[in-house]
PDB file of N, CA and C in Angstrom:
ATOM      1  N   MET A   1      16.671   0.564 -39.055  1.00  0.00           N
ATOM      2  CA  MET A   1      17.530   1.203 -39.886  1.00  0.00           C
ATOM      3  C   MET A   1      18.556   2.048 -39.039  1.00  0.00           C
ATOM      4  N   THR A   2      19.851   1.968 -39.436  1.00  0.00           N
ATOM      5  CA  THR A   2      20.774   2.716 -38.686  1.00  0.00           C
ATOM      6  C   THR A   2      21.499   3.758 -39.552  1.00  0.00           C
ATOM      7  N   SER A   3      22.016   4.754 -38.871  1.00  0.00           N
ATOM      8  CA  SER A   3      22.653   5.788 -39.681  1.00  0.00           C
ATOM      9  C   SER A   3      24.140   5.401 -39.829  1.00  0.00           C
ATOM     10  N   ILE A   4      24.849   6.175 -40.517  1.00  0.00           N
ATOM     11  CA  ILE A   4      26.359   5.880 -40.785  1.00  0.00           C
ATOM     12  C   ILE A   4      27.183   5.995 -39.431  1.00  0.00           C
ATOM     13  N   TYR A   5      26.526   6.575 -38.409  1.00  0.00           N
ATOM     14  CA  TYR A   5      27.180   6.787 -37.145  1.00  0.00           C
ATOM     15  C   TYR A   5      26.880   5.580 -36.246  1.00  0.00           C
ATOM     16  N   GLY A   6      26.013   4.652 -36.669  1.00  0.00           N
ATOM     17  CA  GLY A   6      25.701   3.540 -35.818  1.00  0.00           C
ATOM     18  C   GLY A   6      24.452   3.718 -34.935  1.00  0.00           C
ATOM     19  N   LYS A   7      23.895   4.987 -34.953  1.00  0.00           N
ATOM     20  CA  LYS A   7      22.691   5.101 -34.067  1.00  0.00           C
ATOM     21  C   LYS A   7      21.421   4.891 -34.930  1.00  0.00           C
ATOM     22  N   GLU A   8      20.411   4.380 -34.170  1.00  0.00           N
ATOM     23  CA  GLU A   8      19.203   4.018 -34.856  1.00  0.00           C
ATOM     24  C   GLU A   8      18.377   5.219 -35.264  1.00  0.00           C
ATOM     25  N   ILE A   9      17.916   5.251 -36.482  1.00  0.00           N
ATOM     26  CA  ILE A   9      17.056   6.318 -37.021  1.00  0.00           C
ATOM     27  C   ILE A   9      15.608   5.960 -36.844  1.00  0.00           C
ATOM     28  N   LEU A  10      14.828   6.665 -36.138  1.00  0.00           N
ATOM     29  CA  LEU A  10      13.395   6.411 -35.906  1.00  0.00           C
ATOM     30  C   LEU A  10      12.593   7.141 -36.845  1.00  0.00           C
ATOM     31  N   PRO A  11      11.511   6.666 -37.372  1.00  0.00           N
ATOM     32  CA  PRO A  11      10.598   7.459 -38.212  1.00  0.00           C
ATOM     33  C   PRO A  11       9.891   8.517 -37.361  1.00  0.00           C
ATOM     34  N   PRO A  12       9.371   9.573 -38.024  1.00  0.00           N
ATOM     35  CA  PRO A  12       8.692  10.611 -37.284  1.00  0.00           C
ATOM     36  C   PRO A  12       7.519  10.055 -36.446  1.00  0.00           C
ATOM     37  N   ALA A  13       7.273  10.654 -35.292  1.00  0.00           N
ATOM     38  CA  ALA A  13       6.205  10.166 -34.448  1.00  0.00           C
ATOM     39  C   ALA A  13       4.833  10.264 -35.184  1.00  0.00           C
ATOM     40  N   ALA A  14       3.946   9.471 -34.855  1.00  0.00           N
ATOM     41  CA  ALA A  14       2.538   9.457 -35.362  1.00  0.00           C
ATOM     42  C   ALA A  14       1.997  10.857 -34.849  1.00  0.00           C
ATOM     43  N   PRO A  15       0.990  11.380 -35.601  1.00  0.00           N
ATOM     44  CA  PRO A  15       0.476  12.685 -35.218  1.00  0.00           C
ATOM     45  C   PRO A  15      -0.148  12.721 -33.755  1.00  0.00           C
ATOM     46  N   HIS A  16      -0.824  11.620 -33.391  1.00  0.00           N
ATOM     47  CA  HIS A  16      -1.374  11.509 -32.056  1.00  0.00           C
ATOM     48  C   HIS A  16      -0.350  11.427 -30.972  1.00  0.00           C
ATOM     49  N   LEU A  17       0.905  11.119 -31.297  1.00  0.00           N
ATOM     50  CA  LEU A  17       1.970  11.000 -30.301  1.00  0.00           C
ATOM     51  C   LEU A  17       2.840  12.323 -30.189  1.00  0.00           C
ATOM     52  N   ARG A  18       2.656  13.206 -31.145  1.00  0.00           N
ATOM     53  CA  ARG A  18       3.519  14.403 -31.114  1.00  0.00           C
ATOM     54  C   ARG A  18       3.051  15.439 -30.093  1.00  0.00           C
ATOM     55  N   GLU A  19       3.918  16.241 -29.690  1.00  0.00           N
ATOM     56  CA  GLU A  19       3.633  17.344 -28.647  1.00  0.00           C
ATOM     57  C   GLU A  19       2.648  18.223 -29.189  1.00  0.00           C
ATOM     58  N   PRO A  20       1.488  18.570 -28.517  1.00  0.00           N
ATOM     59  CA  PRO A  20       0.520  19.460 -29.050  1.00  0.00           C
ATOM     60  C   PRO A  20       1.037  20.908 -29.112  1.00  0.00           C
ATOM     61  N   PRO A  21       0.476  21.781 -29.962  1.00  0.00           N
ATOM     62  CA  PRO A  21       0.951  23.155 -30.042  1.00  0.00           C
ATOM     63  C   PRO A  21       0.706  23.868 -28.724  1.00  0.00           C
ATOM     64  N   PRO A  22       1.426  24.988 -28.494  1.00  0.00           N
ATOM     65  CA  PRO A  22       1.380  25.681 -27.227  1.00  0.00           C
ATOM     66  C   PRO A  22      -0.022  26.127 -26.803  1.00  0.00           C
ATOM     67  N   GLU A  23      -0.884  26.490 -27.716  1.00  0.00           N
ATOM     68  CA  GLU A  23      -2.213  26.867 -27.238  1.00  0.00           C
ATOM     69  C   GLU A  23      -3.067  25.815 -26.797  1.00  0.00           C
ATOM     70  N   LEU A  24      -2.620  24.567 -27.105  1.00  0.00           N
ATOM     71  CA  LEU A  24      -3.346  23.417 -26.577  1.00  0.00           C
ATOM     72  C   LEU A  24      -2.750  22.702 -25.405  1.00  0.00           C
ATOM     73  N   ARG A  25      -1.654  23.315 -24.916  1.00  0.00           N
ATOM     74  CA  ARG A  25      -0.952  22.756 -23.743  1.00  0.00           C
ATOM     75  C   ARG A  25      -0.719  23.807 -22.775  1.00  0.00           C
ATOM     76  N   PRO A  26      -1.767  24.355 -22.101  1.00  0.00           N
ATOM     77  CA  PRO A  26      -1.586  25.464 -21.148  1.00  0.00           C
ATOM     78  C   PRO A  26      -0.856  24.993 -19.881  1.00  0.00           C
ATOM     79  N   TRP A  27      -0.889  23.721 -19.565  1.00  0.00           N
ATOM     80  CA  TRP A  27      -0.266  23.171 -18.343  1.00  0.00           C
ATOM     81  C   TRP A  27       1.267  23.468 -18.396  1.00  0.00           C
ATOM     82  N   LYS A  28       1.886  23.518 -19.606  1.00  0.00           N
ATOM     83  CA  LYS A  28       3.356  23.714 -19.699  1.00  0.00           C
ATOM     84  C   LYS A  28       3.717  25.227 -19.400  1.00  0.00           C
ATOM     85  N   ASP A  29       2.774  26.128 -19.753  1.00  0.00           N
ATOM     86  CA  ASP A  29       3.196  27.551 -19.661  1.00  0.00           C
ATOM     87  C   ASP A  29       2.748  28.169 -18.290  1.00  0.00           C
ATOM     88  N   LYS A  30       1.746  27.635 -17.692  1.00  0.00           N
ATOM     89  CA  LYS A  30       1.150  28.317 -16.469  1.00  0.00           C
ATOM     90  C   LYS A  30       1.579  27.460 -15.289  1.00  0.00           C
ATOM     91  N   PRO A  31       1.666  28.046 -14.069  1.00  0.00           N
ATOM     92  CA  PRO A  31       1.943  27.288 -12.887  1.00  0.00           C
ATOM     93  C   PRO A  31       0.623  26.466 -12.502  1.00  0.00           C
ATOM     94  N   PRO A  32       0.683  25.375 -11.876  1.00  0.00           N
ATOM     95  CA  PRO A  32      -0.541  24.618 -11.558  1.00  0.00           C
ATOM     96  C   PRO A  32      -1.411  25.460 -10.569  1.00  0.00           C
ATOM     97  N   ASN A  33      -2.708  25.336 -10.830  1.00  0.00           N
ATOM     98  CA  ASN A  33      -3.708  26.039  -9.961  1.00  0.00           C
ATOM     99  C   ASN A  33      -3.869  25.282  -8.717  1.00  0.00           C
ATOM    100  N   GLU A  34      -4.122  25.965  -7.614  1.00  0.00           N
ATOM    101  CA  GLU A  34      -4.262  25.303  -6.311  1.00  0.00           C
ATOM    102  C   GLU A  34      -5.579  24.386  -6.429  1.00  0.00           C
ATOM    103  N   SER A  35      -6.597  24.883  -7.084  1.00  0.00           N
ATOM    104  CA  SER A  35      -7.863  24.067  -7.083  1.00  0.00           C
ATOM    105  C   SER A  35      -7.777  22.844  -8.083  1.00  0.00           C
ATOM    106  N   THR A  36      -6.699  22.842  -8.840  1.00  0.00           N
ATOM    107  CA  THR A  36      -6.617  21.664  -9.784  1.00  0.00           C
ATOM    108  C   THR A  36      -6.157  20.429  -9.053  1.00  0.00           C
ATOM    109  N   VAL A  37      -6.901  19.360  -9.299  1.00  0.00           N
ATOM    110  CA  VAL A  37      -6.474  18.101  -8.650  1.00  0.00           C
ATOM    111  C   VAL A  37      -5.909  17.252  -9.721  1.00  0.00           C
ATOM    112  N   HIS A  38      -4.697  16.828  -9.502  1.00  0.00           N
ATOM    113  CA  HIS A  38      -4.033  15.873 -10.463  1.00  0.00           C
ATOM    114  C   HIS A  38      -4.272  14.518  -9.976  1.00  0.00           C
ATOM    115  N   LEU A  39      -4.993  13.714 -10.781  1.00  0.00           N
ATOM    116  CA  LEU A  39      -5.345  12.338 -10.474  1.00  0.00           C
ATOM    117  C   LEU A  39      -4.098  11.404 -10.816  1.00  0.00           C
ATOM    118  N   THR A  40      -3.756  10.559  -9.900  1.00  0.00           N
ATOM    119  CA  THR A  40      -2.769   9.520 -10.340  1.00  0.00           C
ATOM    120  C   THR A  40      -3.533   8.375 -10.845  1.00  0.00           C
ATOM    121  N   PRO A  41      -2.906   7.424 -11.564  1.00  0.00           N
ATOM    122  CA  PRO A  41      -3.612   6.234 -12.048  1.00  0.00           C
ATOM    123  C   PRO A  41      -4.224   5.515 -10.880  1.00  0.00           C
ATOM    124  N   HIS A  42      -3.589   5.411  -9.751  1.00  0.00           N
ATOM    125  CA  HIS A  42      -4.151   4.708  -8.636  1.00  0.00           C
ATOM    126  C   HIS A  42      -5.440   5.262  -8.302  1.00  0.00           C
ATOM    127  N   MET A  43      -5.492   6.666  -8.141  1.00  0.00           N
ATOM    128  CA  MET A  43      -6.738   7.369  -7.787  1.00  0.00           C
ATOM    129  C   MET A  43      -7.830   7.131  -8.693  1.00  0.00           C
ATOM    130  N   VAL A  44      -7.501   7.150 -10.025  1.00  0.00           N
ATOM    131  CA  VAL A  44      -8.459   6.872 -11.075  1.00  0.00           C
ATOM    132  C   VAL A  44      -9.067   5.462 -11.032  1.00  0.00           C
ATOM    133  N   ASN A  45      -8.138   4.501 -10.726  1.00  0.00           N
ATOM    134  CA  ASN A  45      -8.618   3.147 -10.561  1.00  0.00           C
ATOM    135  C   ASN A  45      -9.562   3.030  -9.434  1.00  0.00           C
ATOM    136  N   ALA A  46      -9.186   3.675  -8.258  1.00  0.00           N
ATOM    137  CA  ALA A  46     -10.034   3.593  -7.095  1.00  0.00           C
ATOM    138  C   ALA A  46     -11.477   4.110  -7.447  1.00  0.00           C
ATOM    139  N   GLU A  47     -11.469   5.233  -8.129  1.00  0.00           N
ATOM    140  CA  GLU A  47     -12.789   5.928  -8.447  1.00  0.00           C
ATOM    141  C   GLU A  47     -13.583   4.988  -9.370  1.00  0.00           C
ATOM    142  N   MET A  48     -12.930   4.454 -10.382  1.00  0.00           N
ATOM    143  CA  MET A  48     -13.592   3.564 -11.298  1.00  0.00           C
ATOM    144  C   MET A  48     -14.109   2.316 -10.496  1.00  0.00           C
ATOM    145  N   LEU A  49     -13.399   1.816  -9.560  1.00  0.00           N
ATOM    146  CA  LEU A  49     -13.802   0.686  -8.774  1.00  0.00           C
ATOM    147  C   LEU A  49     -15.077   1.009  -7.918  1.00  0.00           C
ATOM    148  N   LYS A  50     -15.005   2.188  -7.379  1.00  0.00           N
ATOM    149  CA  LYS A  50     -16.211   2.636  -6.700  1.00  0.00           C
ATOM    150  C   LYS A  50     -17.459   2.625  -7.504  1.00  0.00           C
ATOM    151  N   LEU A  51     -17.310   3.295  -8.736  1.00  0.00           N
ATOM    152  CA  LEU A  51     -18.443   3.375  -9.623  1.00  0.00           C
ATOM    153  C   LEU A  51     -18.909   1.911 -10.093  1.00  0.00           C
ATOM    154  N   PHE A  52     -17.961   1.097 -10.296  1.00  0.00           N
ATOM    155  CA  PHE A  52     -18.229  -0.274 -10.805  1.00  0.00           C
ATOM    156  C   PHE A  52     -18.940  -0.980  -9.747  1.00  0.00           C
ATOM    157  N   ASN A  53     -18.488  -0.862  -8.424  1.00  0.00           N
ATOM    158  CA  ASN A  53     -19.141  -1.631  -7.351  1.00  0.00           C
ATOM    159  C   ASN A  53     -20.464  -1.090  -6.972  1.00  0.00           C
ATOM    160  N   ASN A  54     -20.749   0.237  -7.242  1.00  0.00           N
ATOM    161  CA  ASN A  54     -22.083   0.790  -6.928  1.00  0.00           C
ATOM    162  C   ASN A  54     -23.031   0.354  -8.046  1.00  0.00           C
ATOM    163  N   GLU A  55     -22.627   0.232  -9.284  1.00  0.00           N
ATOM    164  CA  GLU A  55     -23.505   0.006 -10.361  1.00  0.00           C
ATOM    165  C   GLU A  55     -23.720  -1.479 -10.675  1.00  0.00           C
ATOM    166  N   MET A  56     -22.784  -2.279 -10.355  1.00  0.00           N
ATOM    167  CA  MET A  56     -22.848  -3.609 -10.655  1.00  0.00           C
ATOM    168  C   MET A  56     -23.297  -4.438  -9.452  1.00  0.00           C
ATOM    169  N   PRO A  57     -24.265  -5.351  -9.606  1.00  0.00           N
ATOM    170  CA  PRO A  57     -24.722  -6.168  -8.496  1.00  0.00           C
ATOM    171  C   PRO A  57     -23.662  -7.171  -8.111  1.00  0.00           C
ATOM    172  N   ARG A  58     -23.617  -7.498  -6.860  1.00  0.00           N
ATOM    173  CA  ARG A  58     -22.573  -8.469  -6.471  1.00  0.00           C
ATOM    174  C   ARG A  58     -23.004  -9.851  -6.964  1.00  0.00           C
ATOM    175  N   ILE A  59     -22.038 -10.588  -7.388  1.00  0.00           N
ATOM    176  CA  ILE A  59     -22.304 -11.941  -7.910  1.00  0.00           C
ATOM    177  C   ILE A  59     -22.231 -12.842  -6.701  1.00  0.00           C
ATOM    178  N   PRO A  60     -23.299 -13.640  -6.480  1.00  0.00           N
ATOM    179  CA  PRO A  60     -23.368 -14.572  -5.314  1.00  0.00           C
ATOM    180  C   PRO A  60     -22.353 -15.630  -5.511  1.00  0.00           C
ATOM    181  N   SER A  61     -21.934 -16.177  -4.351  1.00  0.00           N
ATOM    182  CA  SER A  61     -20.967 -17.312  -4.440  1.00  0.00           C
ATOM    183  C   SER A  61     -21.756 -18.574  -4.723  1.00  0.00           C
ATOM    184  N   SER A  62     -21.029 -19.677  -5.026  1.00  0.00           N
ATOM    185  CA  SER A  62     -21.714 -20.985  -5.359  1.00  0.00           C
ATOM    186  C   SER A  62     -22.428 -21.500  -4.090  1.00  0.00           C
ATOM    187  N   SER A  63     -21.839 -21.310  -2.882  1.00  0.00           N
ATOM    188  CA  SER A  63     -22.559 -21.762  -1.681  1.00  0.00           C
ATOM    189  C   SER A  63     -23.853 -20.989  -1.459  1.00  0.00           C
ATOM    190  N   GLU A  64     -23.855 -19.768  -1.752  1.00  0.00           N
ATOM    191  CA  GLU A  64     -25.036 -18.907  -1.533  1.00  0.00           C
ATOM    192  C   GLU A  64     -26.131 -19.417  -2.491  1.00  0.00           C
ATOM    193  N   LEU A  65     -25.760 -19.612  -3.757  1.00  0.00           N
ATOM    194  CA  LEU A  65     -26.625 -20.199  -4.754  1.00  0.00           C
ATOM    195  C   LEU A  65     -27.154 -21.493  -4.423  1.00  0.00           C
ATOM    196  N   LYS A  66     -26.353 -22.402  -3.850  1.00  0.00           N
ATOM    197  CA  LYS A  66     -26.843 -23.720  -3.332  1.00  0.00           C
ATOM    198  C   LYS A  66     -27.838 -23.537  -2.207  1.00  0.00           C
ATOM    199  N   ASN A  67     -27.539 -22.638  -1.283  1.00  0.00           N
ATOM    200  CA  ASN A  67     -28.480 -22.377  -0.142  1.00  0.00           C
ATOM    201  C   ASN A  67     -29.806 -21.934  -0.695  1.00  0.00           C
ATOM    202  N   ARG A  68     -29.803 -20.916  -1.601  1.00  0.00           N
ATOM    203  CA  ARG A  68     -31.043 -20.486  -2.205  1.00  0.00           C
ATOM    204  C   ARG A  68     -31.832 -21.445  -2.847  1.00  0.00           C
ATOM    205  N   LEU A  69     -31.189 -22.314  -3.540  1.00  0.00           N
ATOM    206  CA  LEU A  69     -31.801 -23.502  -4.251  1.00  0.00           C
ATOM    207  C   LEU A  69     -32.446 -24.452  -3.332  1.00  0.00           C
ATOM    208  N   LYS A  70     -31.750 -24.736  -2.182  1.00  0.00           N
ATOM    209  CA  LYS A  70     -32.247 -25.580  -1.115  1.00  0.00           C
ATOM    210  C   LYS A  70     -33.448 -25.033  -0.597  1.00  0.00           C
ATOM    211  N   LYS A  71     -33.451 -23.745  -0.267  1.00  0.00           N
ATOM    212  CA  LYS A  71     -34.668 -23.081   0.407  1.00  0.00           C
ATOM    213  C   LYS A  71     -35.847 -23.039  -0.580  1.00  0.00           C
ATOM    214  N   GLN A  72     -35.556 -22.816  -1.871  1.00  0.00           N
ATOM    215  CA  GLN A  72     -36.578 -22.786  -2.873  1.00  0.00           C
ATOM    216  C   GLN A  72     -37.260 -24.239  -3.036  1.00  0.00           C
ATOM    217  N   LEU A  73     -36.314 -25.288  -2.892  1.00  0.00           N
ATOM    218  CA  LEU A  73     -36.894 -26.622  -3.022  1.00  0.00           C
ATOM    219  C   LEU A  73     -37.729 -26.947  -1.862  1.00  0.00           C
ATOM    220  N   LYS A  74     -37.296 -26.506  -0.625  1.00  0.00           N
ATOM    221  CA  LYS A  74     -38.117 -26.809   0.558  1.00  0.00           C
ATOM    222  C   LYS A  74     -39.344 -26.114   0.471  1.00  0.00           C
ATOM    223  N   LYS A  75     -39.414 -24.935  -0.040  1.00  0.00           N
ATOM    224  CA  LYS A  75     -40.723 -24.123  -0.181  1.00  0.00           C
ATOM    225  C   LYS A  75     -41.593 -24.888  -1.106  1.00  0.00           C
ATOM    226  N   ASP A  76     -41.060 -25.282  -2.286  1.00  0.00           N
ATOM    227  CA  ASP A  76     -41.842 -26.099  -3.278  1.00  0.00           C
ATOM    228  C   ASP A  76     -42.467 -27.365  -2.693  1.00  0.00           C
ATOM    229  N   ASP A  77     -41.613 -28.092  -1.868  1.00  0.00           N
ATOM    230  CA  ASP A  77     -42.028 -29.319  -1.274  1.00  0.00           C
ATOM    231  C   ASP A  77     -43.229 -29.095  -0.210  1.00  0.00           C
ATOM    232  N   ASN A  78     -43.037 -27.913   0.474  1.00  0.00           N
ATOM    233  CA  ASN A  78     -44.081 -27.628   1.496  1.00  0.00           C
ATOM    234  C   ASN A  78     -45.328 -27.222   0.778  1.00  0.00           C
ATOM    235  N   ASN A  79     -45.313 -26.555  -0.356  1.00  0.00           N
ATOM    236  CA  ASN A  79     -46.498 -26.119  -1.049  1.00  0.00           C
ATOM    237  C   ASN A  79     -47.222 -27.199  -1.703  1.00  0.00           C
ATOM    238  N   LYS A  80     -46.687 -28.355  -1.883  1.00  0.00           N
ATOM    239  CA  LYS A  80     -47.264 -29.545  -2.546  1.00  0.00           C
ATOM    240  C   LYS A  80     -48.349 -30.175  -1.668  1.00  0.00           C
TER     241      LYS A  80
END
């Protein structure tokens, strides 16, 4: 929808996209604290990757799986 001046008229922003009230946005009014660490998206991704790699087991490659299967088959043949 456009106004009579040719500029686009946007509907009001959704409540979750509006600026929070001053009491909920102390970062605007106060200077940043020295002890506060501001994480960039890259740093967050790196931390998440560390957590993911520590908690998730590594998936073996197809050649590793083939080698394991060959060893298991050899053991089974030897036990017969």
